[in-house]
Amino acid sequence: MNLDIDLGRTWLRASLCDEAGRVQRHVRFPAVPWRQLAKAWPQLHRRLQFSRLDRLRVGATGLWSVADRAEARRLWRGWAKKIQALSDAELAHTLIFGSGPGLLIVASTGSIALARDRRGRWHRSGGWGPLLGDEGSGFWIGKSALKDPVLRRKLHLDPLGLAHAKDPVRAVAQLAPQVLRLARTDPRARRIRNEAARHLADLASEAGGNSHIPVSCWGGLFQDIAFRRTVLRLLHRQLPQAEFRLQAES
């Protein structure tokens, strides 16, 4: 059996698959930092009911450097015959495009555009975290709403309480669905939604250029239909040569 773990900032999603890649069981629960994955391992074992793993593949937020990936494999040694450690964006790209070319736009707690061209070369835009970037992400949308005094009152937001939350980034990002729902009727929220969509389209354009490669979207924000349509409309303008696939949601 093989186990794929998508370890984002907000959620841990795990799928137990057979040798043919068919999902046998799937679970989701609050995320832990990748260095603390051992804390979640008993719960994964209990809920997925596996005894032996041929392959463990973990895609985690922030797991980009060679040194960190080597550390992760050491931490998880013995959990499976083969262990792969990569970023959550790379895992999502692989699940959607396999080993082929493609441009993936991720909009969840954070944001990133990740492309692999037809020569197998990787191109990345964004993904720098809440301090340096994450434009168009759930955190960015929530922070933008908090800065607007009218939206703060309308949504009954408490900036100070959010700032002192256990995980402020996650807490602020969780405001995004409220803002997107409000955007259907409120022009101030709609401006935030549209600006977030423009940021994501710009990230995609920077990573994908004018490549004739498939394009897909990933992340909880794309579950909002109006937001997804806004992003795709802008992408069609900026990447007219791209081949758009059906939306993929994490």
Protein backbone atom coordinates (compact mmCIF):
# COMPACT_ATOMS: atom_id res chain seq x y z
CA MET A 1 0.00 0.00 0.00
CA ASN A 2 1.05 3.59 -0.66
CA LEU A 3 0.27 6.66 1.44
CA ASP A 4 0.15 10.21 0.09
CA ILE A 5 0.03 13.06 2.62
CA ASP A 6 -0.78 16.63 1.61
CA LEU A 7 0.38 18.66 4.59
CA GLY A 8 -0.64 22.30 4.22
CA ARG A 9 -0.77 25.08 6.77
CA THR A 10 -4.41 24.40 7.65
CA TRP A 11 -5.20 20.78 6.81
CA LEU A 12 -3.50 17.40 6.67
CA ARG A 13 -5.05 15.26 3.95
CA ALA A 14 -3.98 11.66 3.55
CA SER A 15 -4.96 9.07 0.93
CA LEU A 16 -4.19 5.36 1.21
CA CYS A 17 -3.83 3.87 -2.27
CA ASP A 18 -3.28 0.39 -3.67
CA GLU A 19 -0.50 -0.47 -6.13
CA ALA A 20 -2.66 0.66 -9.06
CA GLY A 21 -3.12 4.09 -7.49
CA ARG A 22 -6.77 3.58 -6.52
CA VAL A 23 -7.69 5.43 -3.31
CA GLN A 24 -8.85 2.99 -0.65
CA ARG A 25 -9.34 5.39 2.25
CA HIS A 26 -9.00 9.12 2.76
CA VAL A 27 -8.86 11.29 5.90
CA ARG A 28 -8.53 14.96 6.73
CA PHE A 29 -7.76 16.67 10.03
CA PRO A 30 -5.94 19.82 11.25
CA ALA A 31 -2.37 20.14 10.07
CA VAL A 32 0.81 19.85 12.07
CA PRO A 33 4.28 21.16 11.07
CA TRP A 34 6.14 18.59 9.01
CA ARG A 35 8.76 18.17 11.73
CA GLN A 36 5.93 17.10 14.07
CA LEU A 37 4.32 14.60 11.71
CA ALA A 38 5.17 11.83 14.18
CA LYS A 39 2.50 13.27 16.49
CA ALA A 40 -0.15 12.66 13.83
CA TRP A 41 1.14 9.23 12.82
CA PRO A 42 -0.87 7.21 15.42
CA GLN A 43 -4.06 8.94 14.29
CA LEU A 44 -3.26 8.25 10.62
CA HIS A 45 -2.53 4.60 11.42
CA ARG A 46 -5.74 4.22 13.38
CA ARG A 47 -8.05 5.91 10.89
CA LEU A 48 -6.54 4.51 7.69
CA GLN A 49 -5.87 1.03 9.14
CA PHE A 50 -2.69 0.20 7.26
CA SER A 51 -0.10 -2.32 8.41
CA ARG A 52 2.74 -2.00 5.89
CA LEU A 53 3.59 0.78 3.45
CA ASP A 54 5.57 0.33 0.28
CA ARG A 55 5.77 4.08 -0.31
CA LEU A 56 5.17 7.17 1.78
CA ARG A 57 4.98 10.45 -0.12
CA VAL A 58 4.63 13.65 1.89
CA GLY A 59 4.12 17.06 0.32
CA ALA A 60 4.45 19.71 3.03
CA THR A 61 4.28 23.48 3.16
CA GLY A 62 7.76 24.99 3.10
CA LEU A 63 9.54 21.73 2.29
CA TRP A 64 11.70 23.05 -0.56
CA SER A 65 15.37 22.85 0.40
CA VAL A 66 17.59 19.82 -0.07
CA ALA A 67 18.62 19.96 3.59
CA ASP A 68 15.04 20.04 4.87
CA ARG A 69 14.02 17.13 2.65
CA ALA A 70 16.94 15.07 3.88
CA GLU A 71 15.96 15.88 7.47
CA ALA A 72 12.35 14.87 6.76
CA ARG A 73 13.41 11.51 5.35
CA ARG A 74 15.53 10.90 8.45
CA LEU A 75 12.61 11.78 10.74
CA TRP A 76 10.29 9.41 8.88
CA ARG A 77 12.78 6.57 8.41
CA GLY A 78 11.19 3.16 8.91
CA TRP A 79 7.65 4.28 8.19
CA ALA A 80 7.74 2.84 4.65
CA LYS A 81 10.08 1.03 2.28
CA LYS A 82 10.39 4.16 0.13
CA ILE A 83 9.99 7.72 1.42
CA GLN A 84 9.56 10.84 -0.70
CA ALA A 85 9.63 14.35 0.77
CA LEU A 86 8.60 17.35 -1.34
CA SER A 87 6.61 20.56 -1.13
CA ASP A 88 2.83 20.48 -1.05
CA ALA A 89 2.74 22.41 -4.34
CA GLU A 90 4.97 19.84 -6.04
CA LEU A 91 2.80 17.01 -4.71
CA ALA A 92 -0.34 18.69 -6.07
CA HIS A 93 1.38 19.24 -9.42
CA THR A 94 2.35 15.56 -9.60
CA LEU A 95 -1.15 14.38 -8.66
CA ILE A 96 -2.67 16.51 -11.45
CA PHE A 97 -0.09 16.38 -14.24
CA GLY A 98 1.95 13.29 -13.39
CA SER A 99 5.47 13.68 -14.77
CA GLY A 100 4.29 15.85 -17.67
CA PRO A 101 4.20 19.60 -18.23
CA GLY A 102 1.65 21.83 -16.56
CA LEU A 103 0.99 25.07 -14.74
CA LEU A 104 -0.60 24.83 -11.31
CA ILE A 105 -2.10 27.81 -9.49
CA VAL A 106 -2.52 27.18 -5.75
CA ALA A 107 -4.78 29.37 -3.61
CA SER A 108 -5.29 28.12 -0.10
CA THR A 109 -3.91 29.58 3.14
CA GLY A 110 -0.97 30.65 0.97
CA SER A 111 -0.50 31.03 -2.78
CA ILE A 112 1.98 29.95 -5.44
CA ALA A 113 2.16 29.25 -9.16
CA LEU A 114 4.29 26.27 -10.14
CA ALA A 115 5.00 25.23 -13.71
CA ARG A 116 6.94 22.47 -15.41
CA ASP A 117 7.64 23.11 -19.08
CA ARG A 118 7.89 20.58 -21.87
CA ARG A 119 11.63 20.21 -21.25
CA GLY A 120 10.99 19.21 -17.63
CA ARG A 121 12.27 22.49 -16.17
CA TRP A 122 10.52 23.95 -13.12
CA HIS A 123 9.37 27.57 -12.88
CA ARG A 124 7.95 29.06 -9.70
CA SER A 125 6.29 32.34 -8.79
CA GLY A 126 5.20 33.32 -5.28
CA GLY A 127 5.01 30.93 -2.36
CA TRP A 128 7.11 33.20 -0.15
CA GLY A 129 4.84 32.99 2.89
CA PRO A 130 2.66 35.59 4.65
CA LEU A 131 5.51 37.98 5.50
CA LEU A 132 6.87 38.34 1.96
CA GLY A 133 4.02 37.38 -0.33
CA ASP A 134 1.08 34.96 -0.57
CA GLU A 135 -0.80 37.51 -2.69
CA GLY A 136 -4.31 36.35 -3.57
CA SER A 137 -4.30 33.67 -0.87
CA GLY A 138 -6.81 33.05 1.90
CA PHE A 139 -4.52 34.89 4.30
CA TRP A 140 -4.24 37.84 1.91
CA ILE A 141 -8.04 38.03 1.50
CA GLY A 142 -8.61 37.85 5.25
CA LYS A 143 -5.96 40.48 5.98
CA SER A 144 -7.42 42.79 3.33
CA ALA A 145 -10.87 42.52 4.90
CA LEU A 146 -9.43 43.26 8.34
CA LYS A 147 -7.93 46.49 7.00
CA ASP A 148 -11.34 47.70 5.78
CA PRO A 149 -13.31 49.31 8.65
CA VAL A 150 -16.66 48.77 6.91
CA LEU A 151 -16.01 45.08 6.33
CA ARG A 152 -14.71 44.68 9.88
CA ARG A 153 -18.05 45.90 11.21
CA LYS A 154 -20.13 43.98 8.71
CA LEU A 155 -18.33 40.68 9.38
CA HIS A 156 -17.92 41.36 13.15
CA LEU A 157 -14.17 40.87 12.94
CA ASP A 158 -11.83 41.19 15.91
CA PRO A 159 -8.31 42.02 14.62
CA LEU A 160 -6.72 41.95 18.06
CA GLY A 161 -8.24 38.58 18.87
CA LEU A 162 -7.01 37.15 15.57
CA ALA A 163 -3.53 38.59 16.12
CA HIS A 164 -3.32 36.71 19.43
CA ALA A 165 -4.75 33.45 18.10
CA LYS A 166 -2.67 30.29 18.48
CA ASP A 167 -1.97 30.36 14.73
CA PRO A 168 -2.74 33.90 13.48
CA VAL A 169 -2.04 33.10 9.83
CA ARG A 170 -4.47 30.20 9.81
CA ALA A 171 -7.06 32.20 11.76
CA VAL A 172 -6.92 35.11 9.31
CA ALA A 173 -7.00 32.78 6.29
CA GLN A 174 -10.17 31.19 7.62
CA LEU A 175 -11.94 34.52 7.10
CA ALA A 176 -11.59 34.18 3.32
CA PRO A 177 -14.74 32.07 2.69
CA GLN A 178 -16.84 34.69 4.52
CA VAL A 179 -15.34 37.48 2.42
CA LEU A 180 -15.92 35.57 -0.81
CA ARG A 181 -19.53 34.86 0.10
CA LEU A 182 -20.06 38.52 0.94
CA ALA A 183 -18.50 39.50 -2.41
CA ARG A 184 -21.64 38.26 -4.16
CA THR A 185 -23.56 41.26 -2.82
CA ASP A 186 -21.04 43.70 -1.32
CA PRO A 187 -18.87 45.89 -3.61
CA ARG A 188 -16.07 46.32 -1.05
CA ALA A 189 -15.69 42.56 -0.61
CA ARG A 190 -15.98 42.15 -4.39
CA ARG A 191 -13.01 44.48 -4.91
CA ILE A 192 -10.93 42.31 -2.60
CA ARG A 193 -12.02 39.17 -4.46
CA ASN A 194 -11.17 40.68 -7.84
CA GLU A 195 -7.79 41.97 -6.67
CA ALA A 196 -6.96 38.55 -5.23
CA ALA A 197 -7.85 36.99 -8.59
CA ARG A 198 -5.57 39.47 -10.40
CA HIS A 199 -2.69 38.57 -8.08
CA LEU A 200 -3.12 34.86 -8.84
CA ALA A 201 -3.32 35.50 -12.58
CA ASP A 202 -0.10 37.55 -12.37
CA LEU A 203 1.65 34.72 -10.49
CA ALA A 204 0.51 32.25 -13.13
CA SER A 205 1.67 34.49 -15.96
CA GLU A 206 5.10 34.88 -14.36
CA ALA A 207 5.55 31.14 -13.81
CA GLY A 208 3.97 29.91 -17.04
CA GLY A 209 4.91 32.60 -19.51
CA ASN A 210 3.42 31.90 -22.93
CA SER A 211 4.00 28.17 -22.75
CA HIS A 212 1.50 25.90 -24.47
CA ILE A 213 0.96 23.75 -21.40
CA PRO A 214 -2.10 22.60 -19.44
CA VAL A 215 -3.29 24.85 -16.61
CA SER A 216 -5.15 23.81 -13.48
CA CYS A 217 -6.11 25.26 -10.10
CA TRP A 218 -5.76 23.79 -6.63
CA GLY A 219 -6.83 24.91 -3.18
CA GLY A 220 -9.85 25.59 -1.05
CA LEU A 221 -10.47 29.11 -2.38
CA PHE A 222 -11.41 27.68 -5.77
CA GLN A 223 -14.41 25.99 -4.21
CA ASP A 224 -16.07 29.41 -4.45
CA ILE A 225 -17.53 29.38 -7.95
CA ALA A 226 -17.50 33.15 -8.49
CA PHE A 227 -13.86 33.39 -7.39
CA ARG A 228 -12.86 30.49 -9.64
CA ARG A 229 -14.61 32.06 -12.63
CA THR A 230 -12.95 35.41 -11.98
CA VAL A 231 -9.48 33.83 -11.85
CA LEU A 232 -10.08 31.76 -14.98
CA ARG A 233 -11.37 34.77 -16.91
CA LEU A 234 -8.18 36.68 -16.12
CA LEU A 235 -6.03 33.65 -16.94
CA HIS A 236 -7.63 33.35 -20.36
CA ARG A 237 -6.59 36.95 -21.05
CA GLN A 238 -3.03 36.60 -19.80
CA LEU A 239 -2.36 33.07 -21.06
CA PRO A 240 -4.36 32.83 -24.31
CA GLN A 241 -2.26 29.92 -25.59
CA ALA A 242 -2.74 27.76 -22.50
CA GLU A 243 -4.83 24.59 -22.40
CA PHE A 244 -7.23 24.88 -19.48
CA ARG A 245 -8.30 21.74 -17.62
CA LEU A 246 -11.13 21.21 -15.21
CA GLN A 247 -10.62 22.74 -11.80
CA ALA A 248 -8.98 20.50 -9.21
CA GLU A 249 -9.86 21.11 -5.56
CA SER A 250 -7.82 20.07 -2.56
